[in-house]
Amino acid sequence: MSHSTVPRSRTEADTTAKTPAASGGDTGSGRKTPSGKLSLRLRLRRDRVLLLMTLPAVALVLLFNYVPILGNVVAFQDYDPYISDNGVVSMLNSPWVGLENFQRIFEDSAFWQAVQNTLVLFFLQLVLFFPIPILLALLINSVVRPRVRAIAQAVLYLPHFFSWVLVIAVFQQLLGGAGLLSTLLRDHGYDGLDLMTDPSTFKFLVTAQAVWKDAGWGIIVFLAALTSVSPDLYEAAAMDGASRWRRMWHVTLPALRPVIALLLVLRVGDALTVGFEQILLQRDAVGPGAAEVLDTFVWWNGVRNQDFGYAAAAGLVKGVISIGLVLAANKVAHIMGEQGVYKK
């Protein structure tokens, strides 16, 4: 009995000595909320190092993304930047016109032409451009040899680093009036063609340029999502007799569905921004009737024509519509059972 009693009493003493400290760390005053979660003060103290690390990024976002929102007040003014060297003073002293700029926008046929071109380009890129990174990621992921997979990924990703000036120059050398395709046709007795100045094919040309330049970036995102798929799922499907196609349909695509839903929501939210620099560089070649989009419309009226209030009103309309598209697409993602940009 003496040998069994001593260890038990020592254990009880150790437990008694440790219990107040452990319980004191959890039940201290103000440390936990009634629901059992840590209080805000304790979470701030725990994560203070991470919060300090994010402060520079938060400051940059506030400075360059949110402070300029205050400048949208010029959409309700006949803004004149030459009143003063100080932009804030110019805003305060510019005459107030109310909703006159918005009335001008809705009565301007050029604005609605820009809206039409923007929406057509968006739907073309959504149908033709969005699925291509998914298909290429599935194709690269099916390659067995890692070296071949890495080379293919690097080759497809390389154009992402090219500027739009270089991308358009490459297409000009291939599809322009003096390009490779036109030269080959003339050498074989056919009439040459210049796709770079053809308004009827401009929207498809812009989509092809976007695919060539940015498909590699999307491949990286989807390949990263594919790494989270357990190989056991493929082995189990193969043992059940599933073919390669059925394994991709029932294992791979369901694993990619949350990422696809998130990127689709973001793409819809970015629907009215279809590539300012890319289209501006080619606008004069095909004319504003085929190439004018909302971004170039704002630039042309604001920067070139010095009608800042009118351009700001057009940009504000675009921003409001984009927010509505994000919320609508996110709601559709929730209906489909996905998280989207944020949870319910």
Foldseek 3Di string as FASTA:
>chain_A
DVVVVVVVVVVVVVCVVVVVVVVCVQPPPQQADPVSHGHPVVVCVVCVVVVVVCVVVVVVCCVPPPVCVVVLQLLQFQFDCPPDVDNVVSSVPTHGRGCPLVVVLVVDPLNVLQAVLLLVLLVCCVVPPLCVLVVVLVVLVPDDDPVVSVVVLCVQQVLLPDDLVVLVVVCCQDQAQPHDQQVVQVVVPHHGDGLLQALVCVSVVLSVSCNSRCSSVSNVVLNVLQVPFDVVLVVVCVVVPDDPVRCCVPGVVVSCVQVSLQVVLVSQLCSQPSDDVNLVVSCVSHHCSRRRHLNVVLCCCCVVVVSPNSSSNSVVVSNVVSVVSSVVSCVVCVVVVHQHPHHD
